Amino acid sequence: MKLTGISNIVKKNSPLHYRNEYTASAVFELDNQSLLSKRIEFVVEMSPIGSKDIRINFVDTLEYPLVPILKSLEDEIHSLDRKGSLF
């Protein structure tokens, strides 16, 4: 299973300026070349020392080892944040 992208990103209203909450769909490519979409929620929070912490929660269940999936999602979210694609 390979992450192909994150789509349908919607920012939730948050009163904290250093914490942004989002809902989105994570799209994965399976071994048989079919696509699988799972709903996720994630938080991008600026720490006091200036780094960004990302927390990811799966809304839909996923029957696959989570550690490599979470790492690829975190890398993609960091990339989207650097590009300014997260509003």
PDB file of N, CA and C in Angstrom:
ATOM      1  N   MET A   1       0.845  -1.165   0.000  1.00  0.00           N
ATOM      2  CA  MET A   1       0.000   0.000   0.000  1.00  0.00           C
ATOM      3  C   MET A   1       0.895   1.233   0.000  1.00  0.00           C
ATOM      4  N   LYS A   2       0.586   2.166  -0.895  1.00  0.00           N
ATOM      5  CA  LYS A   2       1.402   3.364  -1.047  1.00  0.00           C
ATOM      6  C   LYS A   2       0.496   4.593  -1.053  1.00  0.00           C
ATOM      7  N   LEU A   3       0.889   5.629  -0.336  1.00  0.00           N
ATOM      8  CA  LEU A   3       0.135   6.880  -0.310  1.00  0.00           C
ATOM      9  C   LEU A   3       0.306   7.602  -1.641  1.00  0.00           C
ATOM     10  N   THR A   4      -0.801   7.940  -2.293  1.00  0.00           N
ATOM     11  CA  THR A   4      -0.720   8.691  -3.541  1.00  0.00           C
ATOM     12  C   THR A   4      -1.029  10.165  -3.333  1.00  0.00           C
ATOM     13  N   GLY A   5      -1.708  10.511  -2.238  1.00  0.00           N
ATOM     14  CA  GLY A   5      -1.979  11.914  -1.975  1.00  0.00           C
ATOM     15  C   GLY A   5      -3.036  12.109  -0.913  1.00  0.00           C
ATOM     16  N   ILE A   6      -3.218  13.371  -0.560  1.00  0.00           N
ATOM     17  CA  ILE A   6      -4.246  13.775   0.393  1.00  0.00           C
ATOM     18  C   ILE A   6      -5.165  14.740  -0.337  1.00  0.00           C
ATOM     19  N   SER A   7      -6.466  14.457  -0.288  1.00  0.00           N
ATOM     20  CA  SER A   7      -7.419  15.296  -1.013  1.00  0.00           C
ATOM     21  C   SER A   7      -8.541  15.741  -0.083  1.00  0.00           C
ATOM     22  N   ASN A   8      -9.381  16.619  -0.582  1.00  0.00           N
ATOM     23  CA  ASN A   8     -10.554  17.124   0.150  1.00  0.00           C
ATOM     24  C   ASN A   8     -10.181  17.685   1.523  1.00  0.00           C
ATOM     25  N   ILE A   9      -9.151  18.501   1.563  1.00  0.00           N
ATOM     26  CA  ILE A   9      -8.685  19.065   2.829  1.00  0.00           C
ATOM     27  C   ILE A   9      -9.603  20.212   3.235  1.00  0.00           C
ATOM     28  N   VAL A  10     -10.147  20.109   4.447  1.00  0.00           N
ATOM     29  CA  VAL A  10     -11.044  21.138   4.981  1.00  0.00           C
ATOM     30  C   VAL A  10     -10.516  21.542   6.347  1.00  0.00           C
ATOM     31  N   LYS A  11     -10.313  22.852   6.531  1.00  0.00           N
ATOM     32  CA  LYS A  11      -9.815  23.358   7.803  1.00  0.00           C
ATOM     33  C   LYS A  11     -10.985  23.586   8.749  1.00  0.00           C
ATOM     34  N   LYS A  12     -10.849  23.105   9.977  1.00  0.00           N
ATOM     35  CA  LYS A  12     -11.853  23.340  11.006  1.00  0.00           C
ATOM     36  C   LYS A  12     -11.578  24.685  11.668  1.00  0.00           C
ATOM     37  N   ASN A  13     -12.620  25.312  12.184  1.00  0.00           N
ATOM     38  CA  ASN A  13     -12.435  26.558  12.913  1.00  0.00           C
ATOM     39  C   ASN A  13     -11.832  26.265  14.282  1.00  0.00           C
ATOM     40  N   SER A  14     -10.759  26.966  14.599  1.00  0.00           N
ATOM     41  CA  SER A  14     -10.079  26.784  15.872  1.00  0.00           C
ATOM     42  C   SER A  14      -9.747  28.158  16.445  1.00  0.00           C
ATOM     43  N   PRO A  15     -10.046  28.387  17.721  1.00  0.00           N
ATOM     44  CA  PRO A  15      -9.748  29.700  18.302  1.00  0.00           C
ATOM     45  C   PRO A  15      -8.260  29.905  18.597  1.00  0.00           C
ATOM     46  N   LEU A  16      -7.468  28.855  18.515  1.00  0.00           N
ATOM     47  CA  LEU A  16      -6.039  28.953  18.802  1.00  0.00           C
ATOM     48  C   LEU A  16      -5.262  29.207  17.520  1.00  0.00           C
ATOM     49  N   HIS A  17      -4.485  30.286  17.480  1.00  0.00           N
ATOM     50  CA  HIS A  17      -3.762  30.647  16.259  1.00  0.00           C
ATOM     51  C   HIS A  17      -2.568  29.739  15.980  1.00  0.00           C
ATOM     52  N   TYR A  18      -2.086  29.008  16.970  1.00  0.00           N
ATOM     53  CA  TYR A  18      -0.929  28.135  16.780  1.00  0.00           C
ATOM     54  C   TYR A  18      -1.316  26.684  16.498  1.00  0.00           C
ATOM     55  N   ARG A  19      -2.610  26.412  16.432  1.00  0.00           N
ATOM     56  CA  ARG A  19      -3.096  25.031  16.225  1.00  0.00           C
ATOM     57  C   ARG A  19      -4.136  25.040  15.117  1.00  0.00           C
ATOM     58  N   ASN A  20      -3.890  24.278  14.070  1.00  0.00           N
ATOM     59  CA  ASN A  20      -4.823  24.164  12.955  1.00  0.00           C
ATOM     60  C   ASN A  20      -5.292  22.719  12.841  1.00  0.00           C
ATOM     61  N   GLU A  21      -6.609  22.544  12.756  1.00  0.00           N
ATOM     62  CA  GLU A  21      -7.203  21.219  12.652  1.00  0.00           C
ATOM     63  C   GLU A  21      -7.823  21.051  11.271  1.00  0.00           C
ATOM     64  N   TYR A  22      -7.677  19.861  10.704  1.00  0.00           N
ATOM     65  CA  TYR A  22      -8.147  19.594   9.345  1.00  0.00           C
ATOM     66  C   TYR A  22      -8.833  18.233   9.275  1.00  0.00           C
ATOM     67  N   THR A  23      -9.734  18.105   8.307  1.00  0.00           N
ATOM     68  CA  THR A  23     -10.247  16.806   7.892  1.00  0.00           C
ATOM     69  C   THR A  23      -9.856  16.642   6.434  1.00  0.00           C
ATOM     70  N   ALA A  24      -9.657  15.399   6.014  1.00  0.00           N
ATOM     71  CA  ALA A  24      -9.220  15.154   4.637  1.00  0.00           C
ATOM     72  C   ALA A  24      -9.457  13.689   4.293  1.00  0.00           C
ATOM     73  N   SER A  25      -9.124  13.359   3.055  1.00  0.00           N
ATOM     74  CA  SER A  25      -9.149  11.973   2.588  1.00  0.00           C
ATOM     75  C   SER A  25      -7.742  11.598   2.147  1.00  0.00           C
ATOM     76  N   ALA A  26      -7.264  10.481   2.663  1.00  0.00           N
ATOM     77  CA  ALA A  26      -5.966   9.951   2.255  1.00  0.00           C
ATOM     78  C   ALA A  26      -6.225   8.890   1.194  1.00  0.00           C
ATOM     79  N   VAL A  27      -5.556   9.027   0.055  1.00  0.00           N
ATOM     80  CA  VAL A  27      -5.760   8.105  -1.061  1.00  0.00           C
ATOM     81  C   VAL A  27      -4.532   7.205  -1.161  1.00  0.00           C
ATOM     82  N   PHE A  28      -4.787   5.891  -1.153  1.00  0.00           N
ATOM     83  CA  PHE A  28      -3.728   4.895  -1.207  1.00  0.00           C
ATOM     84  C   PHE A  28      -3.872   4.048  -2.462  1.00  0.00           C
ATOM     85  N   GLU A  29      -2.738   3.620  -2.996  1.00  0.00           N
ATOM     86  CA  GLU A  29      -2.728   2.696  -4.130  1.00  0.00           C
ATOM     87  C   GLU A  29      -2.422   1.307  -3.592  1.00  0.00           C
ATOM     88  N   LEU A  30      -3.298   0.378  -3.887  1.00  0.00           N
ATOM     89  CA  LEU A  30      -3.098  -1.003  -3.453  1.00  0.00           C
ATOM     90  C   LEU A  30      -2.206  -1.737  -4.438  1.00  0.00           C
ATOM     91  N   ASP A  31      -1.801  -2.939  -4.079  1.00  0.00           N
ATOM     92  CA  ASP A  31      -0.903  -3.730  -4.925  1.00  0.00           C
ATOM     93  C   ASP A  31      -1.509  -4.033  -6.293  1.00  0.00           C
ATOM     94  N   ASN A  32      -2.818  -4.150  -6.351  1.00  0.00           N
ATOM     95  CA  ASN A  32      -3.470  -4.479  -7.623  1.00  0.00           C
ATOM     96  C   ASN A  32      -3.854  -3.229  -8.422  1.00  0.00           C
ATOM     97  N   GLN A  33      -3.203  -2.116  -8.147  1.00  0.00           N
ATOM     98  CA  GLN A  33      -3.366  -0.854  -8.874  1.00  0.00           C
ATOM     99  C   GLN A  33      -4.728  -0.181  -8.657  1.00  0.00           C
ATOM    100  N   SER A  34      -5.510  -0.631  -7.687  1.00  0.00           N
ATOM    101  CA  SER A  34      -6.761   0.046  -7.380  1.00  0.00           C
ATOM    102  C   SER A  34      -6.516   1.068  -6.275  1.00  0.00           C
ATOM    103  N   LEU A  35      -7.404   2.058  -6.191  1.00  0.00           N
ATOM    104  CA  LEU A  35      -7.248   3.128  -5.218  1.00  0.00           C
ATOM    105  C   LEU A  35      -8.193   2.919  -4.042  1.00  0.00           C
ATOM    106  N   LEU A  36      -7.726   3.294  -2.856  1.00  0.00           N
ATOM    107  CA  LEU A  36      -8.490   3.187  -1.627  1.00  0.00           C
ATOM    108  C   LEU A  36      -8.434   4.536  -0.936  1.00  0.00           C
ATOM    109  N   SER A  37      -9.589   5.070  -0.556  1.00  0.00           N
ATOM    110  CA  SER A  37      -9.657   6.363   0.108  1.00  0.00           C
ATOM    111  C   SER A  37     -10.142   6.169   1.539  1.00  0.00           C
ATOM    112  N   LYS A  38      -9.429   6.770   2.493  1.00  0.00           N
ATOM    113  CA  LYS A  38      -9.787   6.700   3.909  1.00  0.00           C
ATOM    114  C   LYS A  38      -9.838   8.110   4.475  1.00  0.00           C
ATOM    115  N   ARG A  39     -10.853   8.374   5.289  1.00  0.00           N
ATOM    116  CA  ARG A  39     -10.982   9.690   5.916  1.00  0.00           C
ATOM    117  C   ARG A  39     -10.021   9.807   7.090  1.00  0.00           C
ATOM    118  N   ILE A  40      -9.384  10.971   7.204  1.00  0.00           N
ATOM    119  CA  ILE A  40      -8.459  11.234   8.304  1.00  0.00           C
ATOM    120  C   ILE A  40      -8.753  12.598   8.901  1.00  0.00           C
ATOM    121  N   GLU A  41      -8.288  12.802  10.116  1.00  0.00           N
ATOM    122  CA  GLU A  41      -8.258  14.110  10.764  1.00  0.00           C
ATOM    123  C   GLU A  41      -6.812  14.325  11.197  1.00  0.00           C
ATOM    124  N   PHE A  42      -6.341  15.551  11.050  1.00  0.00           N
ATOM    125  CA  PHE A  42      -4.979  15.820  11.511  1.00  0.00           C
ATOM    126  C   PHE A  42      -4.873  17.222  12.064  1.00  0.00           C
ATOM    127  N   VAL A  43      -3.892  17.389  12.938  1.00  0.00           N
ATOM    128  CA  VAL A  43      -3.641  18.657  13.613  1.00  0.00           C
ATOM    129  C   VAL A  43      -2.204  19.055  13.338  1.00  0.00           C
ATOM    130  N   VAL A  44      -2.013  20.311  12.939  1.00  0.00           N
ATOM    131  CA  VAL A  44      -0.673  20.884  12.782  1.00  0.00           C
ATOM    132  C   VAL A  44      -0.551  21.962  13.853  1.00  0.00           C
ATOM    133  N   GLU A  45       0.358  21.736  14.793  1.00  0.00           N
ATOM    134  CA  GLU A  45       0.494  22.645  15.925  1.00  0.00           C
ATOM    135  C   GLU A  45       1.923  23.157  16.010  1.00  0.00           C
ATOM    136  N   MET A  46       2.056  24.466  16.141  1.00  0.00           N
ATOM    137  CA  MET A  46       3.364  25.099  16.285  1.00  0.00           C
ATOM    138  C   MET A  46       3.797  24.981  17.741  1.00  0.00           C
ATOM    139  N   SER A  47       4.951  24.388  17.969  1.00  0.00           N
ATOM    140  CA  SER A  47       5.458  24.230  19.334  1.00  0.00           C
ATOM    141  C   SER A  47       6.115  25.537  19.786  1.00  0.00           C
ATOM    142  N   PRO A  48       6.346  25.698  21.075  1.00  0.00           N
ATOM    143  CA  PRO A  48       6.979  26.928  21.572  1.00  0.00           C
ATOM    144  C   PRO A  48       8.381  27.177  21.017  1.00  0.00           C
ATOM    145  N   ILE A  49       9.064  26.126  20.564  1.00  0.00           N
ATOM    146  CA  ILE A  49      10.424  26.316  20.036  1.00  0.00           C
ATOM    147  C   ILE A  49      10.435  26.500  18.524  1.00  0.00           C
ATOM    148  N   GLY A  50       9.265  26.533  17.891  1.00  0.00           N
ATOM    149  CA  GLY A  50       9.183  26.832  16.471  1.00  0.00           C
ATOM    150  C   GLY A  50       9.009  25.652  15.543  1.00  0.00           C
ATOM    151  N   SER A  51       9.070  24.435  16.048  1.00  0.00           N
ATOM    152  CA  SER A  51       8.846  23.283  15.173  1.00  0.00           C
ATOM    153  C   SER A  51       7.347  22.985  15.088  1.00  0.00           C
ATOM    154  N   LYS A  52       6.966  22.241  14.075  1.00  0.00           N
ATOM    155  CA  LYS A  52       5.561  21.904  13.887  1.00  0.00           C
ATOM    156  C   LYS A  52       5.339  20.441  14.232  1.00  0.00           C
ATOM    157  N   ASP A  53       4.376  20.220  15.118  1.00  0.00           N
ATOM    158  CA  ASP A  53       4.001  18.867  15.513  1.00  0.00           C
ATOM    159  C   ASP A  53       2.740  18.482  14.745  1.00  0.00           C
ATOM    160  N   ILE A  54       2.722  17.252  14.240  1.00  0.00           N
ATOM    161  CA  ILE A  54       1.578  16.761  13.474  1.00  0.00           C
ATOM    162  C   ILE A  54       1.028  15.520  14.160  1.00  0.00           C
ATOM    163  N   ARG A  55      -0.284  15.528  14.371  1.00  0.00           N
ATOM    164  CA  ARG A  55      -0.977  14.363  14.919  1.00  0.00           C
ATOM    165  C   ARG A  55      -2.050  13.945  13.921  1.00  0.00           C
ATOM    166  N   ILE A  56      -2.117  12.652  13.658  1.00  0.00           N
ATOM    167  CA  ILE A  56      -3.030  12.118  12.643  1.00  0.00           C
ATOM    168  C   ILE A  56      -3.946  11.088  13.293  1.00  0.00           C
ATOM    169  N   ASN A  57      -5.231  11.157  12.931  1.00  0.00           N
ATOM    170  CA  ASN A  57      -6.213  10.201  13.423  1.00  0.00           C
ATOM    171  C   ASN A  57      -7.009   9.680  12.237  1.00  0.00           C
ATOM    172  N   PHE A  58      -7.155   8.359  12.153  1.00  0.00           N
ATOM    173  CA  PHE A  58      -7.967   7.760  11.093  1.00  0.00           C
ATOM    174  C   PHE A  58      -9.419   7.714  11.536  1.00  0.00           C
ATOM    175  N   VAL A  59     -10.314   8.295  10.753  1.00  0.00           N
ATOM    176  CA  VAL A  59     -11.744   8.219  11.012  1.00  0.00           C
ATOM    177  C   VAL A  59     -12.247   6.850  10.571  1.00  0.00           C
ATOM    178  N   ASP A  60     -11.821   6.407   9.397  1.00  0.00           N
ATOM    179  CA  ASP A  60     -12.158   5.078   8.885  1.00  0.00           C
ATOM    180  C   ASP A  60     -11.098   4.081   9.345  1.00  0.00           C
ATOM    181  N   THR A  61     -11.507   2.846   9.559  1.00  0.00           N
ATOM    182  CA  THR A  61     -10.540   1.823   9.958  1.00  0.00           C
ATOM    183  C   THR A  61      -9.654   1.448   8.777  1.00  0.00           C
ATOM    184  N   LEU A  62      -8.441   1.091   9.105  1.00  0.00           N
ATOM    185  CA  LEU A  62      -7.465   0.714   8.094  1.00  0.00           C
ATOM    186  C   LEU A  62      -6.780  -0.556   8.560  1.00  0.00           C
ATOM    187  N   GLU A  63      -6.879  -1.590   7.772  1.00  0.00           N
ATOM    188  CA  GLU A  63      -6.263  -2.865   8.129  1.00  0.00           C
ATOM    189  C   GLU A  63      -4.936  -3.006   7.392  1.00  0.00           C
ATOM    190  N   TYR A  64      -3.960  -2.320   7.924  1.00  0.00           N
ATOM    191  CA  TYR A  64      -2.616  -2.303   7.353  1.00  0.00           C
ATOM    192  C   TYR A  64      -1.701  -1.809   8.468  1.00  0.00           C
ATOM    193  N   PRO A  65      -0.435  -2.174   8.490  1.00  0.00           N
ATOM    194  CA  PRO A  65       0.472  -1.661   9.534  1.00  0.00           C
ATOM    195  C   PRO A  65       0.499  -0.129   9.533  1.00  0.00           C
ATOM    196  N   LEU A  66       0.223   0.457  10.681  1.00  0.00           N
ATOM    197  CA  LEU A  66       0.044   1.903  10.757  1.00  0.00           C
ATOM    198  C   LEU A  66       1.339   2.706  10.738  1.00  0.00           C
ATOM    199  N   VAL A  67       2.429   2.174  11.229  1.00  0.00           N
ATOM    200  CA  VAL A  67       3.658   2.962  11.341  1.00  0.00           C
ATOM    201  C   VAL A  67       4.138   3.485   9.984  1.00  0.00           C
ATOM    202  N   PRO A  68       4.258   2.657   8.935  1.00  0.00           N
ATOM    203  CA  PRO A  68       4.706   3.218   7.654  1.00  0.00           C
ATOM    204  C   PRO A  68       3.673   4.162   7.030  1.00  0.00           C
ATOM    205  N   ILE A  69       2.396   3.880   7.246  1.00  0.00           N
ATOM    206  CA  ILE A  69       1.347   4.755   6.703  1.00  0.00           C
ATOM    207  C   ILE A  69       1.373   6.113   7.392  1.00  0.00           C
ATOM    208  N   LEU A  70       1.493   6.121   8.722  1.00  0.00           N
ATOM    209  CA  LEU A  70       1.542   7.386   9.451  1.00  0.00           C
ATOM    210  C   LEU A  70       2.773   8.203   9.074  1.00  0.00           C
ATOM    211  N   LYS A  71       3.904   7.541   8.858  1.00  0.00           N
ATOM    212  CA  LYS A  71       5.128   8.252   8.452  1.00  0.00           C
ATOM    213  C   LYS A  71       4.958   8.898   7.078  1.00  0.00           C
ATOM    214  N   SER A  72       4.370   8.171   6.129  1.00  0.00           N
ATOM    215  CA  SER A  72       4.167   8.745   4.802  1.00  0.00           C
ATOM    216  C   SER A  72       3.143   9.878   4.840  1.00  0.00           C
ATOM    217  N   LEU A  73       2.106   9.747   5.663  1.00  0.00           N
ATOM    218  CA  LEU A  73       1.130  10.830   5.806  1.00  0.00           C
ATOM    219  C   LEU A  73       1.768  12.063   6.440  1.00  0.00           C
ATOM    220  N   GLU A  74       2.578  11.866   7.455  1.00  0.00           N
ATOM    221  CA  GLU A  74       3.239  12.987   8.107  1.00  0.00           C
ATOM    222  C   GLU A  74       4.176  13.712   7.140  1.00  0.00           C
ATOM    223  N   ASP A  75       4.929  12.963   6.350  1.00  0.00           N
ATOM    224  CA  ASP A  75       5.811  13.572   5.351  1.00  0.00           C
ATOM    225  C   ASP A  75       5.010  14.383   4.332  1.00  0.00           C
ATOM    226  N   GLU A  76       3.876  13.844   3.883  1.00  0.00           N
ATOM    227  CA  GLU A  76       3.037  14.548   2.903  1.00  0.00           C
ATOM    228  C   GLU A  76       2.430  15.811   3.508  1.00  0.00           C
ATOM    229  N   ILE A  77       2.007  15.757   4.766  1.00  0.00           N
ATOM    230  CA  ILE A  77       1.431  16.932   5.426  1.00  0.00           C
ATOM    231  C   ILE A  77       2.494  18.005   5.607  1.00  0.00           C
ATOM    232  N   HIS A  78       3.713  17.612   5.994  1.00  0.00           N
ATOM    233  CA  HIS A  78       4.815  18.581   6.082  1.00  0.00           C
ATOM    234  C   HIS A  78       5.066  19.236   4.724  1.00  0.00           C
ATOM    235  N   SER A  79       5.037  18.448   3.672  1.00  0.00           N
ATOM    236  CA  SER A  79       5.261  18.970   2.328  1.00  0.00           C
ATOM    237  C   SER A  79       4.158  19.956   1.935  1.00  0.00           C
ATOM    238  N   LEU A  80       2.915  19.608   2.198  1.00  0.00           N
ATOM    239  CA  LEU A  80       1.801  20.511   1.884  1.00  0.00           C
ATOM    240  C   LEU A  80       1.893  21.800   2.686  1.00  0.00           C
ATOM    241  N   ASP A  81       2.321  21.707   3.937  1.00  0.00           N
ATOM    242  CA  ASP A  81       2.457  22.895   4.778  1.00  0.00           C
ATOM    243  C   ASP A  81       3.560  23.802   4.259  1.00  0.00           C
ATOM    244  N   ARG A  82       4.698  23.225   3.857  1.00  0.00           N
ATOM    245  CA  ARG A  82       5.802  24.046   3.318  1.00  0.00           C
ATOM    246  C   ARG A  82       5.401  24.755   2.031  1.00  0.00           C
ATOM    247  N   LYS A  83       4.580  24.086   1.194  1.00  0.00           N
ATOM    248  CA  LYS A  83       4.124  24.689  -0.061  1.00  0.00           C
ATOM    249  C   LYS A  83       3.050  25.744   0.158  1.00  0.00           C
ATOM    250  N   GLY A  84       2.444  25.769   1.353  1.00  0.00           N
ATOM    251  CA  GLY A  84       1.365  26.705   1.620  1.00  0.00           C
ATOM    252  C   GLY A  84       0.013  26.193   1.154  1.00  0.00           C
ATOM    253  N   SER A  85      -0.099  24.901   0.937  1.00  0.00           N
ATOM    254  CA  SER A  85      -1.360  24.325   0.470  1.00  0.00           C
ATOM    255  C   SER A  85      -2.376  24.124   1.581  1.00  0.00           C
ATOM    256  N   LEU A  86      -1.940  24.191   2.826  1.00  0.00           N
ATOM    257  CA  LEU A  86      -2.864  24.111   3.958  1.00  0.00           C
ATOM    258  C   LEU A  86      -3.269  25.529   4.323  1.00  0.00           C
ATOM    259  N   PHE A  87      -4.507  25.847   4.186  1.00  0.00           N
ATOM    260  CA  PHE A  87      -4.939  27.229   4.398  1.00  0.00           C
ATOM    261  C   PHE A  87      -5.300  27.498   5.811  1.00  0.00           C
TER     262      PHE A  87
END
